[in-house]
Amino acid sequence: MSGTKSKLWSVDQEGRATSFLIGSIHVPIELFPGLSDQFTSILEKVEVVATETALDIDPTLYFQEEYWSDQVTRKKKRKWQELLEKWSVPGLEYWYTLPPIVLLNYLQVKSLSEGYNGPVMDEWMYQNALRANKKTCGLLTPESHYGILNKIPVSEQLKMLNKFFRNPAQARRKARRMLQLYRNSEMHGLYKYASSQLGQYRGLLLIDRNMRMVDKMKFMMRSDPCIFVIGAAHLSGERGILHLLKKEPGMKLRAHPSI
């Protein structure tokens, strides 16, 4: 799998309709005009679109109290607030009830958007699925998704967030490196790069999620042809989603030409 360059895969099993696997990245799909046409064409062939987590759920419903506001100094808060305002990002008050890593992910997406304001790939696919009257769901329950994030100590998440605020230019360079790997369909390179950035949390944020998502994918494909929209870093590697699916008896994966 490491030598294959593709963002789109078909998944076949005897006696079942073809499903599709899309490796996505959290940037506006406008950055890749050809992908929207390719993804629209396969949408017509399925009944269900599944993203990593359900996109119709407000994450703030799962976090009712501010649990990291008192762990940041006033000086940092002022600086962070100024930067958020400069970047047209909701203020800190909005984020205090969410894991700090959620704000970090949002800032990374913002830094890669290059002036585009359209929906990122999984949101775009979800919106088009609704317009086409397709069923939608998440591969991970909100409890599972946010439970995984909460296994990373808040102090560690704040260190990651502070690193971004201290040197946003460096953070953008790293994020753009991932974007370039994606643009070139270097899925294995993207996996390796993301894995190195996650450090000790690689198992928690990549491998553990992979196994949970594959279990749900196998169950869903028994009854309906599906599109699975999953972060591209989850695809490759010995315990990546492609390898886990390929190990299943009778399951065949085929890479489609990348755009």
C-alpha atoms as a PDB file:
ATOM      1  CA  MET A   1       0.000   0.000   0.000  1.00  0.00           C
ATOM      2  CA  SER A   2       2.881   2.368   0.625  1.00  0.00           C
ATOM      3  CA  GLY A   3       3.603   2.795  -3.079  1.00  0.00           C
ATOM      4  CA  THR A   4       0.063   3.616  -4.147  1.00  0.00           C
ATOM      5  CA  LYS A   5      -0.895   7.235  -4.787  1.00  0.00           C
ATOM      6  CA  SER A   6      -4.615   7.803  -4.675  1.00  0.00           C
ATOM      7  CA  LYS A   7      -7.199   9.858  -2.790  1.00  0.00           C
ATOM      8  CA  LEU A   8     -10.092   7.641  -3.925  1.00  0.00           C
ATOM      9  CA  TRP A   9     -10.591   3.894  -3.571  1.00  0.00           C
ATOM     10  CA  SER A  10     -13.416   1.508  -4.404  1.00  0.00           C
ATOM     11  CA  VAL A  11     -14.165  -1.334  -2.000  1.00  0.00           C
ATOM     12  CA  ASP A  12     -15.743  -4.500  -3.390  1.00  0.00           C
ATOM     13  CA  GLN A  13     -17.016  -7.730  -1.893  1.00  0.00           C
ATOM     14  CA  GLU A  14     -18.755 -10.521  -3.741  1.00  0.00           C
ATOM     15  CA  GLY A  15     -22.521 -10.136  -3.693  1.00  0.00           C
ATOM     16  CA  ARG A  16     -22.414  -6.546  -2.417  1.00  0.00           C
ATOM     17  CA  ALA A  17     -22.582  -3.192  -4.142  1.00  0.00           C
ATOM     18  CA  THR A  18     -19.374  -1.191  -4.461  1.00  0.00           C
ATOM     19  CA  SER A  19     -18.518   1.267  -1.716  1.00  0.00           C
ATOM     20  CA  PHE A  20     -15.945   4.054  -1.875  1.00  0.00           C
ATOM     21  CA  LEU A  21     -13.264   5.420   0.414  1.00  0.00           C
ATOM     22  CA  ILE A  22     -12.139   9.038   0.120  1.00  0.00           C
ATOM     23  CA  GLY A  23      -8.983  10.285   1.804  1.00  0.00           C
ATOM     24  CA  SER A  24      -9.746  13.902   2.690  1.00  0.00           C
ATOM     25  CA  ILE A  25      -7.910  16.827   4.211  1.00  0.00           C
ATOM     26  CA  HIS A  26      -9.475  19.648   6.194  1.00  0.00           C
ATOM     27  CA  VAL A  27      -9.244  22.424   3.628  1.00  0.00           C
ATOM     28  CA  PRO A  28     -11.914  23.994   1.396  1.00  0.00           C
ATOM     29  CA  ILE A  29     -12.595  21.710  -1.557  1.00  0.00           C
ATOM     30  CA  GLU A  30     -12.269  24.801  -3.787  1.00  0.00           C
ATOM     31  CA  LEU A  31      -8.510  24.255  -3.545  1.00  0.00           C
ATOM     32  CA  PHE A  32      -8.989  21.079  -5.606  1.00  0.00           C
ATOM     33  CA  PRO A  33     -11.586  21.899  -8.300  1.00  0.00           C
ATOM     34  CA  GLY A  34     -11.340  18.531 -10.048  1.00  0.00           C
ATOM     35  CA  LEU A  35     -12.107  16.590  -6.901  1.00  0.00           C
ATOM     36  CA  SER A  36     -15.595  18.030  -6.548  1.00  0.00           C
ATOM     37  CA  ASP A  37     -16.571  16.605  -9.962  1.00  0.00           C
ATOM     38  CA  GLN A  38     -14.991  13.238  -9.161  1.00  0.00           C
ATOM     39  CA  PHE A  39     -16.701  13.026  -5.776  1.00  0.00           C
ATOM     40  CA  THR A  40     -20.068  14.115  -7.205  1.00  0.00           C
ATOM     41  CA  SER A  41     -19.956  11.318  -9.773  1.00  0.00           C
ATOM     42  CA  ILE A  42     -19.559   8.617  -7.130  1.00  0.00           C
ATOM     43  CA  LEU A  43     -22.214  10.144  -4.879  1.00  0.00           C
ATOM     44  CA  GLU A  44     -24.799   8.982  -7.412  1.00  0.00           C
ATOM     45  CA  LYS A  45     -23.720   5.362  -6.844  1.00  0.00           C
ATOM     46  CA  VAL A  46     -24.240   5.098  -3.084  1.00  0.00           C
ATOM     47  CA  GLU A  47     -26.965   5.327  -0.453  1.00  0.00           C
ATOM     48  CA  VAL A  48     -24.956   6.506   2.568  1.00  0.00           C
ATOM     49  CA  VAL A  49     -22.216   9.076   3.173  1.00  0.00           C
ATOM     50  CA  ALA A  50     -20.241   8.528   6.371  1.00  0.00           C
ATOM     51  CA  THR A  51     -17.729  11.002   7.768  1.00  0.00           C
ATOM     52  CA  GLU A  52     -15.417  10.341  10.715  1.00  0.00           C
ATOM     53  CA  THR A  53     -17.944  11.917  13.081  1.00  0.00           C
ATOM     54  CA  ALA A  54     -21.496  13.086  12.462  1.00  0.00           C
ATOM     55  CA  LEU A  55     -21.401  16.672  11.214  1.00  0.00           C
ATOM     56  CA  ASP A  56     -24.905  17.621  12.340  1.00  0.00           C
ATOM     57  CA  ILE A  57     -23.997  17.587  16.042  1.00  0.00           C
ATOM     58  CA  ASP A  58     -22.877  20.659  17.980  1.00  0.00           C
ATOM     59  CA  PRO A  59     -19.740  19.633  19.913  1.00  0.00           C
ATOM     60  CA  THR A  60     -20.487  22.160  22.653  1.00  0.00           C
ATOM     61  CA  LEU A  61     -23.386  19.921  23.732  1.00  0.00           C
ATOM     62  CA  TYR A  62     -20.840  17.452  25.090  1.00  0.00           C
ATOM     63  CA  PHE A  63     -18.890  19.971  27.149  1.00  0.00           C
ATOM     64  CA  GLN A  64     -20.931  22.078  29.508  1.00  0.00           C
ATOM     65  CA  GLU A  65     -18.281  23.693  31.706  1.00  0.00           C
ATOM     66  CA  GLU A  66     -15.204  25.806  31.106  1.00  0.00           C
ATOM     67  CA  TYR A  67     -12.384  23.475  32.019  1.00  0.00           C
ATOM     68  CA  TRP A  68      -9.211  25.135  30.766  1.00  0.00           C
ATOM     69  CA  SER A  69      -9.812  28.865  31.141  1.00  0.00           C
ATOM     70  CA  ASP A  70      -8.090  28.921  34.524  1.00  0.00           C
ATOM     71  CA  GLN A  71      -5.038  27.083  33.140  1.00  0.00           C
ATOM     72  CA  VAL A  72      -3.956  29.970  30.887  1.00  0.00           C
ATOM     73  CA  THR A  73      -2.395  33.160  32.220  1.00  0.00           C
ATOM     74  CA  ARG A  74      -4.094  36.499  31.627  1.00  0.00           C
ATOM     75  CA  LYS A  75      -1.156  37.636  29.528  1.00  0.00           C
ATOM     76  CA  LYS A  76      -1.494  34.636  27.207  1.00  0.00           C
ATOM     77  CA  LYS A  77      -5.246  35.065  27.031  1.00  0.00           C
ATOM     78  CA  ARG A  78      -4.848  38.663  25.860  1.00  0.00           C
ATOM     79  CA  LYS A  79      -2.329  37.718  23.196  1.00  0.00           C
ATOM     80  CA  TRP A  80      -4.343  34.716  22.025  1.00  0.00           C
ATOM     81  CA  GLN A  81      -7.524  36.784  21.892  1.00  0.00           C
ATOM     82  CA  GLU A  82      -5.787  39.446  19.781  1.00  0.00           C
ATOM     83  CA  LEU A  83      -4.579  36.818  17.326  1.00  0.00           C
ATOM     84  CA  LEU A  84      -8.000  35.174  17.088  1.00  0.00           C
ATOM     85  CA  GLU A  85      -9.567  38.539  16.294  1.00  0.00           C
ATOM     86  CA  LYS A  86      -6.873  39.201  13.689  1.00  0.00           C
ATOM     87  CA  TRP A  87      -7.607  35.833  12.052  1.00  0.00           C
ATOM     88  CA  SER A  88     -11.424  36.326  12.251  1.00  0.00           C
ATOM     89  CA  VAL A  89     -11.798  33.317  14.548  1.00  0.00           C
ATOM     90  CA  PRO A  90     -14.423  33.107  17.338  1.00  0.00           C
ATOM     91  CA  GLY A  91     -13.050  34.421  20.644  1.00  0.00           C
ATOM     92  CA  LEU A  92     -11.669  32.344  23.484  1.00  0.00           C
ATOM     93  CA  GLU A  93     -14.992  32.322  25.352  1.00  0.00           C
ATOM     94  CA  TYR A  94     -16.396  30.042  22.661  1.00  0.00           C
ATOM     95  CA  TRP A  95     -13.546  27.528  22.991  1.00  0.00           C
ATOM     96  CA  TYR A  96     -13.240  27.211  26.763  1.00  0.00           C
ATOM     97  CA  THR A  97     -15.786  24.385  26.940  1.00  0.00           C
ATOM     98  CA  LEU A  98     -14.061  22.373  24.187  1.00  0.00           C
ATOM     99  CA  PRO A  99     -10.773  20.454  24.292  1.00  0.00           C
ATOM    100  CA  PRO A 100      -7.944  22.853  23.339  1.00  0.00           C
ATOM    101  CA  ILE A 101      -6.975  20.526  20.501  1.00  0.00           C
ATOM    102  CA  VAL A 102     -10.293  21.372  18.800  1.00  0.00           C
ATOM    103  CA  LEU A 103      -9.236  25.028  18.604  1.00  0.00           C
ATOM    104  CA  LEU A 104      -5.800  23.948  17.379  1.00  0.00           C
ATOM    105  CA  ASN A 105      -7.357  21.901  14.562  1.00  0.00           C
ATOM    106  CA  TYR A 106      -9.577  24.844  13.618  1.00  0.00           C
ATOM    107  CA  LEU A 107      -6.568  27.169  13.442  1.00  0.00           C
ATOM    108  CA  GLN A 108      -4.651  24.690  11.285  1.00  0.00           C
ATOM    109  CA  VAL A 109      -7.572  24.515   8.848  1.00  0.00           C
ATOM    110  CA  LYS A 110      -7.763  28.309   8.797  1.00  0.00           C
ATOM    111  CA  SER A 111      -4.046  28.560   8.044  1.00  0.00           C
ATOM    112  CA  LEU A 112      -4.412  26.252   5.036  1.00  0.00           C
ATOM    113  CA  SER A 113      -7.538  27.798   3.539  1.00  0.00           C
ATOM    114  CA  GLU A 114      -5.558  30.363   1.512  1.00  0.00           C
ATOM    115  CA  GLY A 115      -8.416  32.868   1.447  1.00  0.00           C
ATOM    116  CA  TYR A 116     -11.114  30.363   0.478  1.00  0.00           C
ATOM    117  CA  ASN A 117     -14.175  30.336   2.722  1.00  0.00           C
ATOM    118  CA  GLY A 118     -16.103  27.370   1.329  1.00  0.00           C
ATOM    119  CA  PRO A 119     -16.775  24.117   3.194  1.00  0.00           C
ATOM    120  CA  VAL A 120     -13.900  21.747   3.882  1.00  0.00           C
ATOM    121  CA  MET A 121     -14.018  18.395   2.103  1.00  0.00           C
ATOM    122  CA  ASP A 122     -16.000  16.306   4.568  1.00  0.00           C
ATOM    123  CA  GLU A 123     -18.506  19.131   5.145  1.00  0.00           C
ATOM    124  CA  TRP A 124     -18.868  19.618   1.380  1.00  0.00           C
ATOM    125  CA  MET A 125     -19.562  15.914   0.914  1.00  0.00           C
ATOM    126  CA  TYR A 126     -22.045  15.932   3.795  1.00  0.00           C
ATOM    127  CA  GLN A 127     -23.919  18.943   2.385  1.00  0.00           C
ATOM    128  CA  ASN A 128     -24.126  17.382  -1.068  1.00  0.00           C
ATOM    129  CA  ALA A 129     -25.339  14.110   0.431  1.00  0.00           C
ATOM    130  CA  LEU A 130     -28.205  15.956   2.107  1.00  0.00           C
ATOM    131  CA  ARG A 131     -29.109  17.694  -1.162  1.00  0.00           C
ATOM    132  CA  ALA A 132     -29.129  14.312  -2.919  1.00  0.00           C
ATOM    133  CA  ASN A 133     -31.326  12.778  -0.182  1.00  0.00           C
ATOM    134  CA  LYS A 134     -28.637  10.351   0.893  1.00  0.00           C
ATOM    135  CA  LYS A 135     -28.361   9.020   4.426  1.00  0.00           C
ATOM    136  CA  THR A 136     -25.511  10.440   6.522  1.00  0.00           C
ATOM    137  CA  CYS A 137     -23.781   9.310   9.675  1.00  0.00           C
ATOM    138  CA  GLY A 138     -20.502   9.320  11.583  1.00  0.00           C
ATOM    139  CA  LEU A 139     -18.162   6.344  11.874  1.00  0.00           C
ATOM    140  CA  LEU A 140     -17.329   7.359  15.433  1.00  0.00           C
ATOM    141  CA  THR A 141     -19.961   8.329  17.978  1.00  0.00           C
ATOM    142  CA  PRO A 142     -19.509  11.779  19.521  1.00  0.00           C
ATOM    143  CA  GLU A 143     -18.836  10.072  22.861  1.00  0.00           C
ATOM    144  CA  SER A 144     -16.077   7.973  21.291  1.00  0.00           C
ATOM    145  CA  HIS A 145     -14.570  10.867  19.316  1.00  0.00           C
ATOM    146  CA  TYR A 146     -14.432  13.335  22.191  1.00  0.00           C
ATOM    147  CA  GLY A 147     -13.562  10.579  24.648  1.00  0.00           C
ATOM    148  CA  ILE A 148     -10.399   9.921  22.630  1.00  0.00           C
ATOM    149  CA  LEU A 149      -9.501  13.614  22.668  1.00  0.00           C
ATOM    150  CA  ASN A 150     -10.046  13.780  26.406  1.00  0.00           C
ATOM    151  CA  LYS A 151      -7.451  11.058  26.933  1.00  0.00           C
ATOM    152  CA  ILE A 152      -4.818  13.644  26.039  1.00  0.00           C
ATOM    153  CA  PRO A 153      -4.157  15.683  29.199  1.00  0.00           C
ATOM    154  CA  VAL A 154      -5.423  19.241  28.914  1.00  0.00           C
ATOM    155  CA  SER A 155      -1.963  20.479  29.924  1.00  0.00           C
ATOM    156  CA  GLU A 156      -0.474  18.708  26.893  1.00  0.00           C
ATOM    157  CA  GLN A 157      -3.157  20.074  24.575  1.00  0.00           C
ATOM    158  CA  LEU A 158      -2.452  23.586  25.838  1.00  0.00           C
ATOM    159  CA  LYS A 159       1.254  23.120  25.131  1.00  0.00           C
ATOM    160  CA  MET A 160       0.391  22.218  21.520  1.00  0.00           C
ATOM    161  CA  LEU A 161      -1.910  25.228  21.254  1.00  0.00           C
ATOM    162  CA  ASN A 162       0.646  27.579  22.790  1.00  0.00           C
ATOM    163  CA  LYS A 163       3.248  26.344  20.303  1.00  0.00           C
ATOM    164  CA  PHE A 164       0.926  27.376  17.462  1.00  0.00           C
ATOM    165  CA  PHE A 165       0.298  30.828  18.944  1.00  0.00           C
ATOM    166  CA  ARG A 166       4.001  31.413  19.631  1.00  0.00           C
ATOM    167  CA  ASN A 167       5.037  30.668  16.055  1.00  0.00           C
ATOM    168  CA  PRO A 168       2.064  30.544  13.673  1.00  0.00           C
ATOM    169  CA  ALA A 169       4.349  30.884  10.644  1.00  0.00           C
ATOM    170  CA  GLN A 170       6.159  27.671  11.523  1.00  0.00           C
ATOM    171  CA  ALA A 171       2.830  25.920  12.148  1.00  0.00           C
ATOM    172  CA  ARG A 172       1.630  27.041   8.714  1.00  0.00           C
ATOM    173  CA  ARG A 173       4.786  25.704   7.054  1.00  0.00           C
ATOM    174  CA  LYS A 174       4.199  22.302   8.621  1.00  0.00           C
ATOM    175  CA  ALA A 175       0.537  22.322   7.637  1.00  0.00           C
ATOM    176  CA  ARG A 176       1.422  23.327   4.072  1.00  0.00           C
ATOM    177  CA  ARG A 177       3.869  20.455   3.904  1.00  0.00           C
ATOM    178  CA  MET A 178       0.933  18.127   4.581  1.00  0.00           C
ATOM    179  CA  LEU A 179      -1.163  19.955   2.002  1.00  0.00           C
ATOM    180  CA  GLN A 180       1.532  19.491  -0.642  1.00  0.00           C
ATOM    181  CA  LEU A 181       1.777  15.777   0.136  1.00  0.00           C
ATOM    182  CA  TYR A 182      -1.977  15.544  -0.290  1.00  0.00           C
ATOM    183  CA  ARG A 183      -1.920  17.531  -3.511  1.00  0.00           C
ATOM    184  CA  ASN A 184       0.614  15.008  -4.877  1.00  0.00           C
ATOM    185  CA  SER A 185      -1.479  12.082  -3.589  1.00  0.00           C
ATOM    186  CA  GLU A 186       1.456  10.950  -1.429  1.00  0.00           C
ATOM    187  CA  MET A 187      -0.777   9.175   1.066  1.00  0.00           C
ATOM    188  CA  HIS A 188       2.000   7.182   2.686  1.00  0.00           C
ATOM    189  CA  GLY A 189       4.224  10.230   2.975  1.00  0.00           C
ATOM    190  CA  LEU A 190       1.334  12.151   4.503  1.00  0.00           C
ATOM    191  CA  TYR A 191       0.735   9.335   6.998  1.00  0.00           C
ATOM    192  CA  LYS A 192       4.394   9.274   8.010  1.00  0.00           C
ATOM    193  CA  TYR A 193       4.555  13.046   8.371  1.00  0.00           C
ATOM    194  CA  ALA A 194       1.344  13.235  10.411  1.00  0.00           C
ATOM    195  CA  SER A 195       2.494  10.305  12.522  1.00  0.00           C
ATOM    196  CA  SER A 196       5.773  12.039  13.351  1.00  0.00           C
ATOM    197  CA  GLN A 197       3.924  15.230  14.337  1.00  0.00           C
ATOM    198  CA  LEU A 198       1.574  13.342  16.680  1.00  0.00           C
ATOM    199  CA  GLY A 199       4.451  11.739  18.587  1.00  0.00           C
ATOM    200  CA  GLN A 200       3.299   9.731  21.609  1.00  0.00           C
ATOM    201  CA  TYR A 201      -0.355  10.289  20.678  1.00  0.00           C
ATOM    202  CA  ARG A 202      -0.050   8.549  17.311  1.00  0.00           C
ATOM    203  CA  GLY A 203      -1.634   5.360  18.617  1.00  0.00           C
ATOM    204  CA  LEU A 204      -4.533   7.195  20.214  1.00  0.00           C
ATOM    205  CA  LEU A 205      -5.345   9.595  17.372  1.00  0.00           C
ATOM    206  CA  LEU A 206      -4.544   7.361  14.386  1.00  0.00           C
ATOM    207  CA  ILE A 207      -4.378   3.639  15.114  1.00  0.00           C
ATOM    208  CA  ASP A 208      -7.137   3.382  17.702  1.00  0.00           C
ATOM    209  CA  ARG A 209      -9.487   5.441  15.554  1.00  0.00           C
ATOM    210  CA  ASN A 210      -8.609   3.352  12.480  1.00  0.00           C
ATOM    211  CA  MET A 211      -9.697   0.120  14.113  1.00  0.00           C
ATOM    212  CA  ARG A 212     -12.942   1.616  15.404  1.00  0.00           C
ATOM    213  CA  MET A 213     -13.793   3.133  12.031  1.00  0.00           C
ATOM    214  CA  VAL A 214     -13.045  -0.061  10.093  1.00  0.00           C
ATOM    215  CA  ASP A 215     -15.355  -2.059  12.379  1.00  0.00           C
ATOM    216  CA  LYS A 216     -18.191   0.378  11.604  1.00  0.00           C
ATOM    217  CA  MET A 217     -17.370   0.398   7.875  1.00  0.00           C
ATOM    218  CA  LYS A 218     -17.571  -3.393   7.619  1.00  0.00           C
ATOM    219  CA  PHE A 219     -20.945  -3.366   9.372  1.00  0.00           C
ATOM    220  CA  MET A 220     -22.357  -0.624   7.139  1.00  0.00           C
ATOM    221  CA  MET A 221     -21.233  -2.196   3.859  1.00  0.00           C
ATOM    222  CA  ARG A 222     -23.290  -5.312   4.601  1.00  0.00           C
ATOM    223  CA  SER A 223     -26.500  -3.432   3.859  1.00  0.00           C
ATOM    224  CA  ASP A 224     -25.740  -0.323   1.759  1.00  0.00           C
ATOM    225  CA  PRO A 225     -23.204   1.019  -0.734  1.00  0.00           C
ATOM    226  CA  CYS A 226     -21.402   3.811   1.073  1.00  0.00           C
ATOM    227  CA  ILE A 227     -18.906   6.614   0.701  1.00  0.00           C
ATOM    228  CA  PHE A 228     -16.524   6.903   3.633  1.00  0.00           C
ATOM    229  CA  VAL A 229     -14.854  10.311   3.946  1.00  0.00           C
ATOM    230  CA  ILE A 230     -11.847   9.906   6.205  1.00  0.00           C
ATOM    231  CA  GLY A 231      -8.767  11.991   6.933  1.00  0.00           C
ATOM    232  CA  ALA A 232      -6.051  10.990   4.475  1.00  0.00           C
ATOM    233  CA  ALA A 233      -3.512  10.331   7.243  1.00  0.00           C
ATOM    234  CA  HIS A 234      -5.642   7.375   8.335  1.00  0.00           C
ATOM    235  CA  LEU A 235      -5.293   5.494   5.044  1.00  0.00           C
ATOM    236  CA  SER A 236      -1.718   4.242   4.885  1.00  0.00           C
ATOM    237  CA  GLY A 237       0.550   2.337   7.257  1.00  0.00           C
ATOM    238  CA  GLU A 238       0.534  -1.244   8.533  1.00  0.00           C
ATOM    239  CA  ARG A 239      -2.446  -0.447  10.736  1.00  0.00           C
ATOM    240  CA  GLY A 240      -3.976   2.043   8.345  1.00  0.00           C
ATOM    241  CA  ILE A 241      -7.501   1.682   7.031  1.00  0.00           C
ATOM    242  CA  LEU A 242      -6.437   0.404   3.593  1.00  0.00           C
ATOM    243  CA  HIS A 243      -4.384  -2.401   5.106  1.00  0.00           C
ATOM    244  CA  LEU A 244      -7.062  -3.314   7.650  1.00  0.00           C
ATOM    245  CA  LEU A 245      -9.707  -3.555   4.925  1.00  0.00           C
ATOM    246  CA  LYS A 246      -7.436  -5.507   2.601  1.00  0.00           C
ATOM    247  CA  LYS A 247      -6.981  -8.141   5.304  1.00  0.00           C
ATOM    248  CA  GLU A 248     -10.713  -8.867   5.328  1.00  0.00           C
ATOM    249  CA  PRO A 249     -11.605 -12.121   3.468  1.00  0.00           C
ATOM    250  CA  GLY A 250     -13.018 -11.458   0.011  1.00  0.00           C
ATOM    251  CA  MET A 251     -12.582  -7.699   0.190  1.00  0.00           C
ATOM    252  CA  LYS A 252     -10.910  -6.058  -2.812  1.00  0.00           C
ATOM    253  CA  LEU A 253      -9.656  -2.496  -2.975  1.00  0.00           C
ATOM    254  CA  ARG A 254      -8.945  -0.597  -6.168  1.00  0.00           C
ATOM    255  CA  ALA A 255      -7.232   2.765  -6.413  1.00  0.00           C
ATOM    256  CA  HIS A 256      -8.767   5.351  -8.742  1.00  0.00           C
ATOM    257  CA  PRO A 257      -6.632   7.878 -10.628  1.00  0.00           C
ATOM    258  CA  SER A 258      -6.064  10.912  -8.451  1.00  0.00           C
ATOM    259  CA  ILE A 259      -6.839  14.465  -9.461  1.00  0.00           C
END
